[in-house]
Amino acid sequence: MSQDTNDTIGLSRRKVLAGLGAVGVASAGAGLGTTAYFNDTEAFEGNTLTAGELDLKLDYKSTYLGGPGRLEHVQSMGYPDAEDLGDGRYLLDQAPSPADMQAWEDLVQGEEFDFCSPEADEFLVNGDGIPVFTLDDVKPGDSGEVTISVHICDNPAFLYLAGELTENAENGQSEPEMEQEGEDTDGIGELADAIEVCVWYDEDCDNVYEPTGTGQQNELEVALVSDVSGSMGGGKIAALKTSATSFVDNLSSPDEAAAISFASSANVDQELTTDYQAVKDAIDAYNASGGTSIAAGVSAGENELLNGTNATMGASKVMIVLSDGQSNASAAIAAADAAKANGIRIFTIALGAGAATGLLEDIATSPDDAFVAPDAADLDTVYAEIAQVVLAGEQKIFEGSMADFFGTFLADGHALDGDRQEEGRQPYPGATTQCIGFEWTLPAEVENEVQTDSVEFDIGLYAEQSRHNDNPQVTFNGTEANSTSPGPAPNGTGNVSGQN
């Protein structure tokens, strides 16, 4: 720590007063012929250095698929506020609890709640590990899921997934179990080998693994809105045809596509359909001529996605807008804002040096959804990148047995990627909110060998600053750093609870 701020850069109060005293003496003696020199002093005062903050905070929502009619039993296992979600699924707990009529996933991804504020700590996991699952009487066919929402306050950090299987107990043998597997000789149960685990980047924090990229496991409807103005002639229109039709080749039923072109006005060249060849034929027929009205193209795309003959209510709506020229900015932005307000996600592609790159970024749903193709030859790559985002879905981190997950996969921790759309591993941005999904399932085909068995395990996250850290560590001891963990533990039929 520094001394009193009056000592800054050597200008103490005593020195300043002494200087004033010297001026007084010089002034008093001026009549005696003493010379006074002009002088001036400047100083940088009040300098401070404050250490930054790296605080990992978690919140979560956990559910349990345990069969219908068991709400009271679930509540008796330590979940007094559990809710019946229908179809045998129960909401076990969530932190923080959103206000009435607001979904948890909307709260954790919204801006209304400041997760990094000290006041938020009472609602979050921040320092004290807690059990998320404390379940007994688990039967084949049961499953549980927890989505962990990650908040890094407030500096970027590399994130690691950590965990340990702390118990895999036999707990004696029932008669059916002994008949199935023979007499136990080591006290080690079979439950960890039988339970299947899936871990993924839960992009929309909704507790559901969605490998299809459609947002809510529903069909996708995509409008390919393409500039066919005069400036698109030659190699540009040819590259557009090749790249856009390749994008269509990635689609599969029930996903639908529409082809819309615009120049001075817009045309719906092929309405939404699963006849992908018809969409490609419409694109292949494009010719370049006329001016550029992005607003007309966006409005036509919105109308087709929302009101077209084959438009489906509840489908995920996506628009891909390509342009190589300038357009009326206010009209284009107004049209895009209307489409986005109606739930349409807009991707944009700025083609060539003459494209209105800034305008197209404003039109896109987010800056990450705005792409640039410097040359027509780059279009194929850009459309492929958008296909990855739109169609590839949520990325799986692990799938396998619980024994393999904790015993092998997490033996040295697993490095998580803060931006799956960028090449290479990226840190998680400061003040970010992203979600990790963790699901366990005891398959219905499992037989008597797991009777009375139980497991306990810990799972958590470890954060490490990214600044000046070009080579983040691969292995670590999460207990000696800033790690925060909710400790899920799905149990067998014995009396076992999760611990952390």
Protein backbone atom coordinates (compact mmCIF):
# COMPACT_ATOMS: atom_id res chain seq x y z
CA MET A 1 0.00 0.00 0.00
CA SER A 2 1.17 3.59 -0.64
CA GLN A 3 1.60 6.27 2.00
CA ASP A 4 -0.86 9.12 2.50
CA THR A 5 -1.82 10.65 -0.83
CA ASN A 6 -0.18 13.94 0.23
CA ASP A 7 3.15 12.13 -0.22
CA THR A 8 2.47 11.54 -3.93
CA ILE A 9 5.58 12.05 -6.11
CA GLY A 10 7.39 13.72 -3.17
CA LEU A 11 5.07 16.70 -2.71
CA SER A 12 4.36 16.38 1.01
CA ARG A 13 2.27 18.93 2.90
CA ARG A 14 5.40 20.01 4.76
CA LYS A 15 7.30 20.62 1.53
CA VAL A 16 4.44 22.63 0.06
CA LEU A 17 4.20 24.80 3.19
CA ALA A 18 7.96 25.27 3.25
CA GLY A 19 7.81 26.47 -0.33
CA LEU A 20 5.15 29.00 0.55
CA GLY A 21 7.29 30.19 3.42
CA ALA A 22 10.21 30.70 1.08
CA VAL A 23 8.06 32.82 -1.23
CA GLY A 24 7.08 34.96 1.72
CA VAL A 25 10.69 35.57 2.67
CA ALA A 26 11.61 36.44 -0.91
CA SER A 27 8.73 38.89 -1.13
CA ALA A 28 9.62 40.50 2.14
CA GLY A 29 13.17 40.98 1.02
CA ALA A 30 12.38 42.23 -2.45
CA GLY A 31 12.87 45.83 -1.40
CA LEU A 32 16.37 44.93 -0.28
CA GLY A 33 17.38 43.86 -3.78
CA THR A 34 16.65 40.10 -3.53
CA THR A 35 15.75 38.51 -6.90
CA ALA A 36 12.59 36.35 -7.17
CA TYR A 37 12.46 33.90 -10.12
CA PHE A 38 9.27 32.86 -11.89
CA ASN A 39 8.47 29.21 -11.15
CA ASP A 40 5.78 26.66 -11.69
CA THR A 41 5.12 23.11 -10.51
CA GLU A 42 2.86 20.52 -12.10
CA ALA A 43 2.08 17.12 -10.60
CA PHE A 44 0.14 13.93 -11.28
CA GLU A 45 -1.60 13.43 -7.95
CA GLY A 46 -4.02 10.90 -6.57
CA ASN A 47 -2.66 7.93 -8.52
CA THR A 48 -4.32 4.63 -7.65
CA LEU A 49 -3.94 1.00 -8.66
CA THR A 50 -6.83 -1.35 -7.93
CA ALA A 51 -6.68 -5.07 -8.53
CA GLY A 52 -9.29 -6.35 -10.97
CA GLU A 53 -11.89 -8.94 -10.11
CA LEU A 54 -12.31 -12.49 -11.31
CA ASP A 55 -15.29 -14.00 -9.55
CA LEU A 56 -17.07 -17.06 -10.88
CA LYS A 57 -20.74 -17.24 -9.98
CA LEU A 58 -23.23 -19.93 -10.91
CA ASP A 59 -26.95 -20.37 -10.94
CA TYR A 60 -28.91 -23.38 -12.08
CA LYS A 61 -32.20 -25.03 -12.92
CA SER A 62 -32.61 -28.75 -12.23
CA THR A 63 -35.33 -31.14 -13.33
CA TYR A 64 -36.09 -34.82 -12.70
CA LEU A 65 -37.97 -37.28 -14.91
CA GLY A 66 -39.19 -39.78 -12.34
CA GLY A 67 -42.66 -40.80 -13.46
CA PRO A 68 -46.10 -39.24 -12.90
CA GLY A 69 -47.87 -38.93 -9.55
CA ARG A 70 -44.73 -38.61 -7.41
CA LEU A 71 -44.75 -34.91 -6.47
CA GLU A 72 -45.14 -35.52 -2.72
CA HIS A 73 -42.35 -38.10 -2.77
CA VAL A 74 -40.08 -35.73 -4.67
CA GLN A 75 -40.84 -32.93 -2.22
CA SER A 76 -40.00 -35.24 0.69
CA MET A 77 -36.48 -35.82 -0.70
CA GLY A 78 -35.40 -32.26 0.09
CA TYR A 79 -37.31 -30.31 -2.55
CA PRO A 80 -40.22 -28.67 -0.70
CA ASP A 81 -40.82 -26.26 -3.58
CA ALA A 82 -40.70 -28.88 -6.35
CA GLU A 83 -43.27 -28.45 -9.11
CA ASP A 84 -44.96 -30.98 -11.36
CA LEU A 85 -44.15 -30.01 -14.97
CA GLY A 86 -46.31 -32.77 -16.42
CA ASP A 87 -45.51 -36.05 -18.15
CA GLY A 88 -43.64 -37.28 -15.09
CA ARG A 89 -41.11 -34.44 -15.04
CA TYR A 90 -40.52 -32.27 -11.98
CA LEU A 91 -38.82 -28.94 -11.43
CA LEU A 92 -36.55 -29.67 -8.47
CA ASP A 93 -34.99 -26.28 -7.89
CA GLN A 94 -33.72 -23.16 -9.59
CA ALA A 95 -31.57 -20.27 -8.47
CA PRO A 96 -32.40 -17.51 -8.73
CA SER A 97 -36.15 -18.00 -8.84
CA PRO A 98 -37.63 -15.79 -11.56
CA ALA A 99 -40.66 -13.62 -11.02
CA ASP A 100 -44.09 -14.89 -11.95
CA MET A 101 -44.66 -15.47 -15.67
CA GLN A 102 -40.95 -15.27 -16.51
CA ALA A 103 -38.99 -18.32 -17.58
CA TRP A 104 -35.68 -19.04 -15.84
CA GLU A 105 -33.79 -19.12 -19.15
CA ASP A 106 -35.11 -15.64 -19.98
CA LEU A 107 -34.01 -14.31 -16.60
CA VAL A 108 -30.46 -15.62 -16.74
CA GLN A 109 -29.94 -14.35 -20.29
CA GLY A 110 -31.68 -11.01 -19.74
CA GLU A 111 -30.35 -7.69 -18.52
CA GLU A 112 -32.80 -7.06 -15.68
CA PHE A 113 -30.83 -9.00 -13.05
CA ASP A 114 -27.25 -7.97 -12.26
CA PHE A 115 -25.59 -11.29 -11.49
CA CYS A 116 -22.27 -9.63 -10.71
CA SER A 117 -23.64 -7.34 -8.00
CA PRO A 118 -22.93 -8.21 -4.34
CA GLU A 119 -26.68 -8.25 -3.72
CA ALA A 120 -27.04 -11.17 -6.14
CA ASP A 121 -24.84 -13.50 -4.10
CA GLU A 122 -27.65 -14.69 -1.85
CA PHE A 123 -29.40 -16.12 -4.92
CA LEU A 124 -26.35 -17.75 -6.53
CA VAL A 125 -23.76 -20.45 -5.97
CA ASN A 126 -20.69 -18.44 -5.02
CA GLY A 127 -18.17 -20.18 -2.82
CA ASP A 128 -20.26 -22.88 -1.15
CA GLY A 129 -20.83 -26.11 -3.04
CA ILE A 130 -24.38 -27.45 -2.83
CA PRO A 131 -26.06 -30.69 -3.90
CA VAL A 132 -28.41 -30.33 -6.85
CA PHE A 133 -29.67 -33.94 -6.82
CA THR A 134 -30.43 -35.84 -3.60
CA LEU A 135 -32.65 -38.58 -4.95
CA ASP A 136 -33.47 -42.06 -3.72
CA ASP A 137 -35.51 -44.84 -5.28
CA VAL A 138 -34.13 -44.10 -8.75
CA LYS A 139 -35.49 -46.62 -11.23
CA PRO A 140 -34.50 -47.64 -14.78
CA GLY A 141 -35.95 -45.02 -17.13
CA ASP A 142 -35.38 -42.14 -14.69
CA SER A 143 -33.25 -39.16 -15.65
CA GLY A 144 -32.23 -35.80 -14.26
CA GLU A 145 -30.85 -32.62 -15.81
CA VAL A 146 -29.24 -29.48 -14.51
CA THR A 147 -28.41 -26.46 -16.64
CA ILE A 148 -25.68 -24.38 -15.03
CA SER A 149 -25.62 -20.70 -15.91
CA VAL A 150 -22.09 -19.27 -15.76
CA HIS A 151 -21.33 -15.66 -14.81
CA ILE A 152 -17.72 -14.42 -14.83
CA CYS A 153 -17.32 -11.13 -12.96
CA ASP A 154 -15.89 -9.25 -14.55
CA ASN A 155 -12.66 -10.11 -16.42
CA PRO A 156 -12.38 -12.61 -19.29
CA ALA A 157 -11.36 -16.07 -18.14
CA PHE A 158 -10.62 -19.54 -19.40
CA LEU A 159 -13.09 -22.02 -17.97
CA TYR A 160 -12.63 -25.67 -17.07
CA LEU A 161 -15.14 -28.36 -16.17
CA ALA A 162 -14.09 -30.40 -13.14
CA GLY A 163 -15.57 -33.25 -11.17
CA GLU A 164 -15.06 -36.43 -9.22
CA LEU A 165 -16.95 -39.63 -8.50
CA THR A 166 -16.70 -39.79 -4.71
CA GLU A 167 -18.67 -42.99 -4.16
CA ASN A 168 -19.87 -45.95 -6.21
CA ALA A 169 -21.24 -48.26 -3.54
CA GLU A 170 -22.80 -51.70 -3.72
CA ASN A 171 -24.70 -51.29 -0.41
CA GLY A 172 -25.20 -55.01 -0.06
CA GLN A 173 -27.12 -57.19 -2.48
CA SER A 174 -30.76 -58.03 -2.83
CA GLU A 175 -31.71 -61.52 -3.92
CA PRO A 176 -32.53 -60.45 -7.52
CA GLU A 177 -29.25 -58.56 -7.73
CA MET A 178 -27.22 -61.52 -6.51
CA GLU A 179 -28.94 -63.78 -9.01
CA GLN A 180 -28.10 -61.29 -11.78
CA GLU A 181 -24.43 -60.64 -11.03
CA GLY A 182 -23.30 -63.22 -8.52
CA GLU A 183 -21.92 -62.54 -5.06
CA ASP A 184 -20.23 -59.17 -4.52
CA THR A 185 -16.56 -59.36 -3.56
CA ASP A 186 -15.32 -55.75 -3.64
CA GLY A 187 -18.20 -53.52 -2.46
CA ILE A 188 -18.11 -51.53 -5.71
CA GLY A 189 -21.47 -50.98 -7.36
CA GLU A 190 -22.48 -51.07 -11.00
CA LEU A 191 -24.58 -47.89 -11.03
CA ALA A 192 -21.84 -45.54 -12.30
CA ASP A 193 -21.23 -47.86 -15.25
CA ALA A 194 -24.95 -48.09 -15.98
CA ILE A 195 -25.83 -44.39 -15.80
CA GLU A 196 -25.41 -42.52 -19.09
CA VAL A 197 -24.23 -38.91 -19.03
CA CYS A 198 -24.59 -36.17 -21.65
CA VAL A 199 -22.92 -32.76 -21.27
CA TRP A 200 -23.32 -29.93 -23.78
CA TYR A 201 -23.13 -26.19 -24.39
CA ASP A 202 -26.75 -25.19 -23.73
CA GLU A 203 -26.84 -22.16 -26.02
CA ASP A 204 -30.36 -21.06 -25.07
CA CYS A 205 -30.20 -22.22 -21.42
CA ASP A 206 -33.41 -24.25 -21.74
CA ASN A 207 -32.35 -27.57 -20.12
CA VAL A 208 -32.71 -29.41 -23.44
CA TYR A 209 -29.95 -30.71 -25.69
CA GLU A 210 -30.80 -29.55 -29.21
CA PRO A 211 -28.44 -31.10 -31.76
CA THR A 212 -30.42 -29.85 -34.74
CA GLY A 213 -29.77 -26.13 -34.29
CA THR A 214 -33.44 -25.21 -34.53
CA GLY A 215 -33.58 -23.53 -31.14
CA GLN A 216 -36.44 -25.45 -29.55
CA GLN A 217 -36.27 -28.83 -31.29
CA ASN A 218 -38.82 -27.63 -33.85
CA GLU A 219 -38.59 -27.19 -37.58
CA LEU A 220 -36.48 -24.51 -39.23
CA GLU A 221 -37.76 -22.08 -41.84
CA VAL A 222 -35.08 -20.09 -43.64
CA ALA A 223 -35.50 -17.36 -46.25
CA LEU A 224 -32.53 -16.82 -48.55
CA VAL A 225 -32.83 -13.12 -49.44
CA SER A 226 -30.36 -12.30 -52.22
CA ASP A 227 -29.29 -9.10 -53.96
CA VAL A 228 -29.60 -9.48 -57.75
CA SER A 229 -29.01 -5.82 -58.67
CA GLY A 230 -26.86 -4.85 -61.65
CA SER A 231 -23.66 -4.73 -59.59
CA MET A 232 -24.05 -8.46 -58.87
CA GLY A 233 -23.26 -9.37 -62.48
CA GLY A 234 -20.48 -11.69 -63.58
CA GLY A 235 -18.61 -13.68 -60.96
CA LYS A 236 -20.72 -12.45 -58.05
CA ILE A 237 -24.04 -13.85 -59.25
CA ALA A 238 -22.34 -17.11 -60.22
CA ALA A 239 -20.76 -17.45 -56.77
CA LEU A 240 -24.09 -16.64 -55.13
CA LYS A 241 -25.80 -19.44 -57.03
CA THR A 242 -23.14 -21.98 -56.10
CA SER A 243 -22.91 -21.03 -52.43
CA ALA A 244 -26.62 -20.53 -51.72
CA THR A 245 -27.56 -23.82 -53.36
CA SER A 246 -24.85 -25.57 -51.32
CA PHE A 247 -26.48 -24.14 -48.19
CA VAL A 248 -29.81 -25.62 -49.28
CA ASP A 249 -28.11 -29.00 -49.67
CA ASN A 250 -27.51 -28.99 -45.90
CA LEU A 251 -31.24 -28.88 -45.12
CA SER A 252 -33.36 -31.91 -44.33
CA SER A 253 -37.08 -32.41 -43.81
CA PRO A 254 -39.07 -30.95 -42.07
CA ASP A 255 -36.91 -27.83 -42.48
CA GLU A 256 -38.20 -25.47 -45.19
CA ALA A 257 -36.47 -22.89 -47.38
CA ALA A 258 -37.61 -19.99 -49.55
CA ALA A 259 -35.76 -18.10 -52.29
CA ILE A 260 -36.32 -14.33 -52.42
CA SER A 261 -34.47 -11.91 -54.69
CA PHE A 262 -34.34 -8.14 -54.61
CA ALA A 263 -33.08 -5.33 -56.82
CA SER A 264 -35.19 -2.17 -57.07
CA SER A 265 -38.06 -4.32 -55.75
CA ALA A 266 -38.36 -7.84 -54.35
CA ASN A 267 -39.74 -11.14 -55.64
CA VAL A 268 -40.61 -14.39 -53.87
CA ASP A 269 -39.05 -16.75 -56.40
CA GLN A 270 -39.85 -19.88 -54.40
CA GLU A 271 -42.12 -19.97 -51.36
CA LEU A 272 -41.26 -22.03 -48.28
CA THR A 273 -40.97 -25.68 -49.19
CA THR A 274 -39.20 -28.93 -48.43
CA ASP A 275 -38.71 -29.38 -52.18
CA TYR A 276 -35.09 -28.29 -52.00
CA GLN A 277 -34.50 -28.79 -55.72
CA ALA A 278 -37.22 -26.23 -56.45
CA VAL A 279 -35.42 -23.74 -54.20
CA LYS A 280 -32.11 -24.39 -55.95
CA ASP A 281 -33.73 -24.07 -59.37
CA ALA A 282 -35.14 -20.68 -58.41
CA ILE A 283 -31.71 -19.47 -57.28
CA ASP A 284 -30.02 -20.83 -60.41
CA ALA A 285 -32.38 -18.70 -62.53
CA TYR A 286 -31.18 -15.39 -61.07
CA ASN A 287 -29.98 -12.61 -63.41
CA ALA A 288 -28.39 -9.34 -62.30
CA SER A 289 -30.08 -6.01 -63.12
CA GLY A 290 -31.61 -2.95 -61.49
CA GLY A 291 -30.97 -1.01 -58.29
CA THR A 292 -30.66 -2.12 -54.64
CA SER A 293 -33.49 -2.05 -52.09
CA ILE A 294 -32.50 -4.09 -49.06
CA ALA A 295 -35.67 -2.96 -47.31
CA ALA A 296 -37.83 -4.54 -50.02
CA GLY A 297 -35.96 -7.83 -49.73
CA VAL A 298 -36.16 -7.95 -45.92
CA SER A 299 -39.87 -7.10 -45.91
CA ALA A 300 -40.59 -9.79 -48.50
CA GLY A 301 -38.61 -12.30 -46.45
CA GLU A 302 -40.47 -11.39 -43.26
CA ASN A 303 -43.86 -11.73 -44.94
CA GLU A 304 -42.99 -15.15 -46.37
CA LEU A 305 -41.68 -16.47 -43.04
CA LEU A 306 -44.68 -15.21 -41.08
CA ASN A 307 -47.57 -15.30 -43.55
CA GLY A 308 -46.49 -17.56 -46.40
CA THR A 309 -48.70 -20.44 -47.50
CA ASN A 310 -46.39 -22.98 -45.85
CA ALA A 311 -45.24 -20.87 -42.89
CA THR A 312 -45.54 -22.76 -39.60
CA MET A 313 -46.39 -21.08 -36.33
CA GLY A 314 -43.73 -21.88 -33.74
CA ALA A 315 -41.04 -22.78 -36.25
CA SER A 316 -37.61 -21.20 -35.89
CA LYS A 317 -37.45 -18.36 -38.42
CA VAL A 318 -34.14 -17.40 -40.04
CA MET A 319 -33.36 -14.91 -42.80
CA ILE A 320 -30.03 -14.73 -44.64
CA VAL A 321 -29.61 -11.39 -46.43
CA LEU A 322 -26.82 -10.93 -48.99
CA SER A 323 -25.98 -7.61 -50.64
CA ASP A 324 -23.02 -6.07 -52.43
CA GLY A 325 -24.16 -2.45 -52.62
CA GLN A 326 -25.56 0.61 -50.88
CA SER A 327 -29.20 1.06 -49.98
CA ASN A 328 -31.56 3.38 -48.10
CA ALA A 329 -30.34 2.84 -44.55
CA SER A 330 -33.35 4.05 -42.59
CA ALA A 331 -35.79 1.98 -44.62
CA ALA A 332 -33.61 -1.15 -44.39
CA ILE A 333 -33.13 -0.82 -40.63
CA ALA A 334 -36.85 -0.24 -40.08
CA ALA A 335 -37.71 -3.35 -42.08
CA ALA A 336 -35.12 -5.42 -40.21
CA ASP A 337 -36.29 -4.16 -36.81
CA ALA A 338 -39.84 -5.20 -37.65
CA ALA A 339 -38.67 -8.68 -38.67
CA LYS A 340 -36.53 -9.12 -35.56
CA ALA A 341 -39.39 -7.95 -33.35
CA ASN A 342 -41.41 -10.83 -34.79
CA GLY A 343 -38.80 -13.38 -33.75
CA ILE A 344 -36.86 -13.70 -36.99
CA ARG A 345 -33.10 -14.14 -36.67
CA ILE A 346 -31.31 -12.22 -39.41
CA PHE A 347 -27.87 -13.11 -40.74
CA THR A 348 -26.26 -10.74 -43.23
CA ILE A 349 -23.47 -11.11 -45.79
CA ALA A 350 -21.62 -8.06 -47.09
CA LEU A 351 -20.11 -9.02 -50.45
CA GLY A 352 -17.17 -7.07 -51.83
CA ALA A 353 -15.65 -3.67 -51.15
CA GLY A 354 -18.76 -1.76 -52.23
CA ALA A 355 -21.11 -3.39 -49.75
CA ALA A 356 -22.73 -1.36 -46.96
CA THR A 357 -20.93 -3.31 -44.25
CA GLY A 358 -22.01 -1.07 -41.38
CA LEU A 359 -25.64 -1.09 -42.47
CA LEU A 360 -25.68 -4.86 -42.82
CA GLU A 361 -24.22 -5.22 -39.33
CA ASP A 362 -27.03 -3.03 -38.01
CA ILE A 363 -29.57 -5.17 -39.82
CA ALA A 364 -28.22 -8.44 -38.37
CA THR A 365 -29.68 -9.75 -35.13
CA SER A 366 -26.28 -9.38 -33.48
CA PRO A 367 -22.79 -8.36 -34.66
CA ASP A 368 -21.86 -12.06 -34.60
CA ASP A 369 -24.58 -12.69 -37.19
CA ALA A 370 -23.05 -10.21 -39.66
CA PHE A 371 -20.57 -11.80 -42.08
CA VAL A 372 -18.22 -10.26 -44.64
CA ALA A 373 -17.14 -11.88 -47.92
CA PRO A 374 -14.34 -9.69 -49.33
CA ASP A 375 -14.55 -11.49 -52.65
CA ALA A 376 -17.07 -13.66 -54.46
CA ALA A 377 -14.75 -16.63 -53.91
CA ASP A 378 -15.33 -16.25 -50.15
CA LEU A 379 -19.08 -16.77 -50.38
CA ASP A 380 -18.91 -20.54 -50.16
CA THR A 381 -17.02 -20.33 -46.86
CA VAL A 382 -19.41 -17.73 -45.44
CA TYR A 383 -22.54 -19.71 -46.27
CA ALA A 384 -20.88 -22.79 -44.74
CA GLU A 385 -20.19 -20.87 -41.53
CA ILE A 386 -23.80 -19.73 -41.32
CA ALA A 387 -24.95 -23.30 -41.95
CA GLN A 388 -22.82 -24.39 -39.01
CA VAL A 389 -24.48 -21.85 -36.75
CA VAL A 390 -28.02 -22.43 -37.98
CA LEU A 391 -28.01 -26.16 -38.60
CA ALA A 392 -25.30 -27.77 -36.48
CA GLY A 393 -27.09 -27.14 -33.21
CA GLU A 394 -25.74 -27.24 -29.70
CA GLN A 395 -22.30 -28.76 -29.34
CA LYS A 396 -21.94 -31.88 -27.24
CA ILE A 397 -19.07 -31.92 -24.76
CA PHE A 398 -19.35 -35.54 -23.60
CA GLU A 399 -21.56 -38.58 -23.99
CA GLY A 400 -20.89 -41.87 -22.24
CA SER A 401 -21.09 -43.62 -18.90
CA MET A 402 -20.85 -41.76 -15.62
CA ALA A 403 -17.85 -43.90 -14.71
CA ASP A 404 -15.99 -42.82 -17.86
CA PHE A 405 -17.05 -39.19 -17.47
CA PHE A 406 -15.54 -38.79 -14.02
CA GLY A 407 -12.86 -41.46 -14.20
CA THR A 408 -11.34 -40.58 -17.58
CA PHE A 409 -12.83 -37.50 -19.22
CA LEU A 410 -12.54 -35.26 -16.15
CA ALA A 411 -9.42 -36.85 -14.72
CA ASP A 412 -7.45 -33.64 -15.40
CA GLY A 413 -10.43 -31.36 -15.99
CA HIS A 414 -11.84 -30.39 -19.37
CA ALA A 415 -11.11 -27.06 -21.07
CA LEU A 416 -14.31 -25.31 -22.16
CA ASP A 417 -14.58 -23.01 -25.18
CA GLY A 418 -16.00 -19.54 -24.61
CA ASP A 419 -16.87 -18.95 -28.29
CA ARG A 420 -17.69 -22.00 -30.37
CA GLN A 421 -17.93 -19.96 -33.58
CA GLU A 422 -14.29 -18.86 -33.48
CA GLU A 423 -11.36 -21.08 -34.40
CA GLY A 424 -9.39 -22.40 -31.47
CA ARG A 425 -10.29 -22.27 -27.81
CA GLN A 426 -11.54 -18.87 -26.65
CA PRO A 427 -11.91 -17.42 -23.14
CA TYR A 428 -15.31 -16.59 -21.71
CA PRO A 429 -15.88 -12.81 -21.91
CA GLY A 430 -16.16 -10.87 -18.66
CA ALA A 431 -19.67 -10.30 -17.32
CA THR A 432 -20.85 -13.06 -19.62
CA THR A 433 -23.74 -15.48 -19.23
CA GLN A 434 -23.44 -18.87 -20.88
CA CYS A 435 -24.91 -22.23 -19.93
CA ILE A 436 -23.67 -25.80 -19.62
CA GLY A 437 -26.16 -28.67 -19.61
CA PHE A 438 -25.58 -31.90 -17.65
CA GLU A 439 -27.98 -34.83 -17.92
CA TRP A 440 -27.86 -38.29 -16.37
CA THR A 441 -30.08 -41.20 -17.41
CA LEU A 442 -30.52 -44.69 -16.00
CA PRO A 443 -31.55 -46.56 -19.17
CA ALA A 444 -34.80 -48.50 -19.06
CA GLU A 445 -33.03 -51.68 -20.20
CA VAL A 446 -30.79 -51.80 -17.10
CA GLU A 447 -31.60 -54.87 -15.01
CA ASN A 448 -31.26 -56.02 -11.41
CA GLU A 449 -27.48 -55.61 -11.16
CA VAL A 450 -27.89 -51.98 -9.98
CA GLN A 451 -30.42 -52.65 -7.22
CA THR A 452 -29.47 -50.87 -3.95
CA ASP A 453 -26.35 -49.36 -5.59
CA SER A 454 -25.63 -45.67 -5.10
CA VAL A 455 -23.29 -43.01 -6.42
CA GLU A 456 -22.06 -39.67 -5.15
CA PHE A 457 -20.22 -37.15 -7.26
CA ASP A 458 -19.09 -33.56 -7.42
CA ILE A 459 -19.12 -31.40 -10.52
CA GLY A 460 -17.94 -27.83 -10.79
CA LEU A 461 -16.22 -25.15 -12.82
CA TYR A 462 -12.80 -23.55 -12.52
CA ALA A 463 -11.96 -20.10 -13.89
CA GLU A 464 -8.50 -18.75 -14.71
CA GLN A 465 -7.74 -15.26 -16.00
CA SER A 466 -7.00 -15.01 -19.71
CA ARG A 467 -4.99 -11.77 -19.75
CA HIS A 468 -1.22 -12.47 -20.02
CA ASN A 469 -2.15 -16.15 -20.17
CA ASP A 470 -1.29 -17.31 -23.67
CA ASN A 471 -0.81 -20.90 -22.53
CA PRO A 472 -3.64 -21.69 -20.10
CA GLN A 473 -3.05 -24.73 -17.96
CA VAL A 474 -4.52 -28.04 -19.00
CA THR A 475 -4.45 -29.82 -15.66
CA PHE A 476 -5.31 -28.22 -12.36
CA ASN A 477 -6.50 -28.77 -8.84
CA GLY A 478 -9.84 -27.03 -8.82
CA THR A 479 -9.89 -26.93 -5.02
CA GLU A 480 -6.97 -24.50 -4.93
CA ALA A 481 -8.38 -21.88 -7.27
CA ASN A 482 -11.55 -19.96 -7.96
CA SER A 483 -13.84 -22.90 -8.51
CA THR A 484 -17.55 -22.99 -7.78
CA SER A 485 -19.55 -26.16 -7.96
CA PRO A 486 -23.09 -27.33 -7.57
CA GLY A 487 -22.68 -30.99 -6.64
CA PRO A 488 -25.23 -33.16 -8.38
CA ALA A 489 -25.58 -36.71 -7.10
CA PRO A 490 -28.29 -38.95 -8.49
CA ASN A 491 -28.57 -41.88 -6.14
CA GLY A 492 -29.66 -45.46 -6.37
CA THR A 493 -32.22 -47.02 -4.11
CA GLY A 494 -30.03 -46.59 -1.04
CA ASN A 495 -30.06 -43.56 1.26
CA VAL A 496 -27.38 -41.40 -0.34
CA SER A 497 -27.27 -37.63 -0.83
CA GLY A 498 -25.10 -35.44 -3.03
CA GLN A 499 -22.21 -33.66 -1.43
CA ASN A 500 -19.71 -30.97 -2.30
